[in-house]
Amino acid sequence: MNRLLARDEGQFLEFKSAHERPGGVRLKRRKAAGVARDIAETLSAMANADGGTLLLGVEDDKTVTGVDHPTANLKAMRA
């Protein structure tokens, strides 16, 4: 994972956050449906191109914030 985080986002690497920062300070869990939609859009774009890697739970600045959603939400994100 450290090797991936050392790289910049581009055609073959995308970081997706499971959080938002309203007001720019404290992390707030994003709605699972929004995260799932972002995952689907990104994977679809990668599938239509040359593939790639999606790191979920990573901010644009490469900070790993994880995915602290309940199990039911995680299943919805994978579906």
N, C-alpha and C. Protein backbone atom coordinates (compact mmCIF):
# COMPACT_ATOMS: atom_id res chain seq x y z
N MET A 1 0.82 -1.19 0.00
CA MET A 1 0.00 0.00 0.00
C MET A 1 0.87 1.26 0.00
N ASN A 2 1.96 1.24 0.73
CA ASN A 2 2.84 2.42 0.77
C ASN A 2 3.36 2.77 -0.61
N ARG A 3 3.61 1.75 -1.43
CA ARG A 3 4.09 1.99 -2.78
C ARG A 3 3.03 2.73 -3.59
N LEU A 4 1.77 2.37 -3.41
CA LEU A 4 0.69 3.05 -4.12
C LEU A 4 0.52 4.48 -3.62
N LEU A 5 0.61 4.67 -2.32
CA LEU A 5 0.46 6.02 -1.75
C LEU A 5 1.60 6.95 -2.16
N ALA A 6 2.72 6.38 -2.52
CA ALA A 6 3.86 7.21 -2.95
C ALA A 6 3.63 7.77 -4.36
N ARG A 7 2.69 7.15 -5.09
CA ARG A 7 2.39 7.60 -6.45
C ARG A 7 1.32 8.69 -6.41
N ASP A 8 1.21 9.43 -7.50
CA ASP A 8 0.16 10.44 -7.65
C ASP A 8 -1.03 9.81 -8.36
N GLU A 9 -2.21 10.38 -8.11
CA GLU A 9 -3.40 9.94 -8.81
C GLU A 9 -3.23 10.21 -10.30
N GLY A 10 -3.84 9.37 -11.08
CA GLY A 10 -3.78 9.53 -12.52
C GLY A 10 -4.70 8.52 -13.17
N GLN A 11 -4.45 8.21 -14.42
CA GLN A 11 -5.31 7.30 -15.18
C GLN A 11 -5.39 5.92 -14.53
N PHE A 12 -4.34 5.48 -13.87
CA PHE A 12 -4.29 4.13 -13.33
C PHE A 12 -4.41 4.07 -11.80
N LEU A 13 -4.56 5.19 -11.15
CA LEU A 13 -4.67 5.21 -9.68
C LEU A 13 -5.63 6.30 -9.25
N GLU A 14 -6.59 5.93 -8.41
CA GLU A 14 -7.59 6.89 -7.92
C GLU A 14 -7.78 6.69 -6.42
N PHE A 15 -7.82 7.80 -5.68
CA PHE A 15 -8.13 7.77 -4.25
C PHE A 15 -9.57 8.21 -4.07
N LYS A 16 -10.31 7.51 -3.23
CA LYS A 16 -11.70 7.88 -2.93
C LYS A 16 -11.87 7.92 -1.42
N SER A 17 -12.45 8.99 -0.95
CA SER A 17 -12.71 9.16 0.47
C SER A 17 -14.09 8.63 0.82
N ALA A 18 -14.22 8.11 2.02
CA ALA A 18 -15.51 7.70 2.55
C ALA A 18 -16.03 8.76 3.51
N HIS A 19 -15.34 9.90 3.54
CA HIS A 19 -15.68 10.99 4.46
C HIS A 19 -15.81 12.31 3.72
N GLU A 20 -16.36 13.26 4.39
CA GLU A 20 -16.38 14.63 3.91
C GLU A 20 -15.93 15.51 5.07
N ARG A 21 -15.55 16.72 4.75
CA ARG A 21 -15.11 17.67 5.77
C ARG A 21 -15.95 18.92 5.69
N PRO A 22 -17.15 18.89 6.25
CA PRO A 22 -17.95 20.12 6.24
C PRO A 22 -17.25 21.16 7.11
N GLY A 23 -17.01 22.32 6.56
CA GLY A 23 -16.29 23.35 7.30
C GLY A 23 -14.79 23.14 7.29
N GLY A 24 -14.33 22.05 6.66
CA GLY A 24 -12.91 21.82 6.49
C GLY A 24 -12.15 21.30 7.69
N VAL A 25 -12.83 20.97 8.79
CA VAL A 25 -12.08 20.58 9.97
C VAL A 25 -12.27 19.10 10.31
N ARG A 26 -13.43 18.74 10.75
CA ARG A 26 -13.69 17.41 11.27
C ARG A 26 -14.26 16.49 10.19
N LEU A 27 -13.77 15.25 10.16
CA LEU A 27 -14.28 14.27 9.21
C LEU A 27 -15.69 13.85 9.59
N LYS A 28 -16.53 13.71 8.57
CA LYS A 28 -17.89 13.23 8.76
C LYS A 28 -18.12 12.11 7.75
N ARG A 29 -18.71 11.02 8.18
CA ARG A 29 -18.96 9.89 7.31
C ARG A 29 -19.90 10.29 6.17
N ARG A 30 -19.51 9.99 4.93
CA ARG A 30 -20.37 10.23 3.78
C ARG A 30 -21.46 9.16 3.73
N LYS A 31 -22.56 9.48 3.08
CA LYS A 31 -23.62 8.50 2.90
C LYS A 31 -23.09 7.36 2.03
N ALA A 32 -23.45 6.13 2.41
CA ALA A 32 -22.97 4.95 1.70
C ALA A 32 -23.37 4.96 0.23
N ALA A 33 -24.55 5.46 -0.07
CA ALA A 33 -25.01 5.50 -1.47
C ALA A 33 -24.10 6.39 -2.32
N GLY A 34 -23.66 7.50 -1.77
CA GLY A 34 -22.75 8.39 -2.49
C GLY A 34 -21.40 7.76 -2.71
N VAL A 35 -20.89 7.08 -1.70
CA VAL A 35 -19.60 6.40 -1.83
C VAL A 35 -19.72 5.29 -2.88
N ALA A 36 -20.81 4.51 -2.81
CA ALA A 36 -21.03 3.42 -3.77
C ALA A 36 -21.11 3.95 -5.19
N ARG A 37 -21.78 5.07 -5.37
CA ARG A 37 -21.89 5.68 -6.71
C ARG A 37 -20.51 6.09 -7.22
N ASP A 38 -19.71 6.71 -6.36
CA ASP A 38 -18.35 7.10 -6.76
C ASP A 38 -17.51 5.89 -7.13
N ILE A 39 -17.63 4.81 -6.36
CA ILE A 39 -16.89 3.58 -6.65
C ILE A 39 -17.30 3.05 -8.02
N ALA A 40 -18.62 2.96 -8.26
CA ALA A 40 -19.12 2.43 -9.53
C ALA A 40 -18.64 3.27 -10.71
N GLU A 41 -18.71 4.59 -10.59
CA GLU A 41 -18.27 5.47 -11.67
C GLU A 41 -16.79 5.30 -11.97
N THR A 42 -16.00 5.23 -10.90
CA THR A 42 -14.55 5.10 -11.08
C THR A 42 -14.19 3.76 -11.69
N LEU A 43 -14.78 2.68 -11.18
CA LEU A 43 -14.47 1.36 -11.72
C LEU A 43 -14.95 1.21 -13.16
N SER A 44 -16.08 1.83 -13.48
CA SER A 44 -16.58 1.80 -14.85
C SER A 44 -15.62 2.51 -15.79
N ALA A 45 -15.16 3.66 -15.38
CA ALA A 45 -14.20 4.41 -16.20
C ALA A 45 -12.91 3.62 -16.38
N MET A 46 -12.43 3.00 -15.32
CA MET A 46 -11.20 2.21 -15.43
C MET A 46 -11.40 0.99 -16.32
N ALA A 47 -12.58 0.37 -16.22
CA ALA A 47 -12.87 -0.81 -17.04
C ALA A 47 -12.93 -0.44 -18.52
N ASN A 48 -13.39 0.77 -18.82
CA ASN A 48 -13.49 1.22 -20.20
C ASN A 48 -12.16 1.74 -20.74
N ALA A 49 -11.19 1.87 -19.86
CA ALA A 49 -9.85 2.33 -20.27
C ALA A 49 -8.90 1.14 -20.21
N ASP A 50 -7.82 1.30 -19.52
CA ASP A 50 -6.80 0.25 -19.44
C ASP A 50 -6.70 -0.34 -18.04
N GLY A 51 -7.76 -0.25 -17.24
CA GLY A 51 -7.72 -0.77 -15.87
C GLY A 51 -7.17 0.25 -14.91
N GLY A 52 -6.92 -0.17 -13.69
CA GLY A 52 -6.38 0.73 -12.70
C GLY A 52 -6.62 0.22 -11.30
N THR A 53 -6.27 1.03 -10.33
CA THR A 53 -6.40 0.69 -8.92
C THR A 53 -7.16 1.79 -8.21
N LEU A 54 -8.14 1.39 -7.43
CA LEU A 54 -8.93 2.32 -6.62
C LEU A 54 -8.61 2.07 -5.17
N LEU A 55 -8.19 3.10 -4.46
CA LEU A 55 -7.95 3.00 -3.02
C LEU A 55 -9.07 3.73 -2.30
N LEU A 56 -9.93 2.98 -1.64
CA LEU A 56 -11.04 3.54 -0.89
C LEU A 56 -10.58 3.85 0.53
N GLY A 57 -10.99 4.99 1.04
CA GLY A 57 -10.59 5.38 2.39
C GLY A 57 -9.31 6.19 2.41
N VAL A 58 -8.96 6.76 1.25
CA VAL A 58 -7.76 7.58 1.14
C VAL A 58 -8.17 8.95 0.60
N GLU A 59 -7.71 10.00 1.27
CA GLU A 59 -8.02 11.37 0.87
C GLU A 59 -7.12 11.79 -0.29
N ASP A 60 -7.49 12.88 -0.96
CA ASP A 60 -6.70 13.37 -2.09
C ASP A 60 -5.27 13.74 -1.69
N ASP A 61 -5.08 14.10 -0.42
CA ASP A 61 -3.72 14.44 0.05
C ASP A 61 -2.95 13.20 0.51
N LYS A 62 -3.49 12.00 0.23
CA LYS A 62 -2.90 10.70 0.53
C LYS A 62 -3.01 10.29 1.99
N THR A 63 -3.79 11.01 2.77
CA THR A 63 -4.04 10.62 4.15
C THR A 63 -5.00 9.45 4.17
N VAL A 64 -4.64 8.38 4.88
CA VAL A 64 -5.51 7.22 4.99
C VAL A 64 -6.48 7.47 6.14
N THR A 65 -7.76 7.61 5.81
CA THR A 65 -8.79 7.86 6.83
C THR A 65 -9.70 6.65 7.04
N GLY A 66 -9.58 5.66 6.19
CA GLY A 66 -10.33 4.43 6.35
C GLY A 66 -11.80 4.55 5.95
N VAL A 67 -12.51 3.46 6.19
CA VAL A 67 -13.93 3.37 5.87
C VAL A 67 -14.62 2.83 7.11
N ASP A 68 -15.16 3.71 7.93
CA ASP A 68 -15.74 3.29 9.21
C ASP A 68 -17.26 3.19 9.15
N HIS A 69 -17.75 2.58 8.08
CA HIS A 69 -19.19 2.40 7.92
C HIS A 69 -19.63 1.06 8.52
N PRO A 70 -20.90 0.95 8.91
CA PRO A 70 -21.43 -0.33 9.40
C PRO A 70 -21.35 -1.40 8.29
N THR A 71 -21.35 -2.65 8.69
CA THR A 71 -21.22 -3.77 7.76
C THR A 71 -22.24 -3.73 6.63
N ALA A 72 -23.48 -3.40 6.93
CA ALA A 72 -24.51 -3.34 5.89
C ALA A 72 -24.15 -2.31 4.81
N ASN A 73 -23.59 -1.19 5.23
CA ASN A 73 -23.18 -0.16 4.26
C ASN A 73 -22.00 -0.63 3.42
N LEU A 74 -21.07 -1.35 4.05
CA LEU A 74 -19.93 -1.86 3.31
C LEU A 74 -20.37 -2.85 2.23
N LYS A 75 -21.37 -3.67 2.56
CA LYS A 75 -21.89 -4.62 1.58
C LYS A 75 -22.52 -3.88 0.41
N ALA A 76 -23.20 -2.79 0.68
CA ALA A 76 -23.83 -2.00 -0.39
C ALA A 76 -22.75 -1.37 -1.28
N MET A 77 -21.64 -0.99 -0.71
CA MET A 77 -20.56 -0.39 -1.49
C MET A 77 -19.90 -1.42 -2.40
N ARG A 78 -19.86 -2.67 -1.96
CA ARG A 78 -19.24 -3.73 -2.76
C ARG A 78 -20.15 -4.25 -3.85
N ALA A 79 -21.44 -4.04 -3.71
CA ALA A 79 -22.39 -4.63 -4.66
C ALA A 79 -22.37 -3.95 -6.00
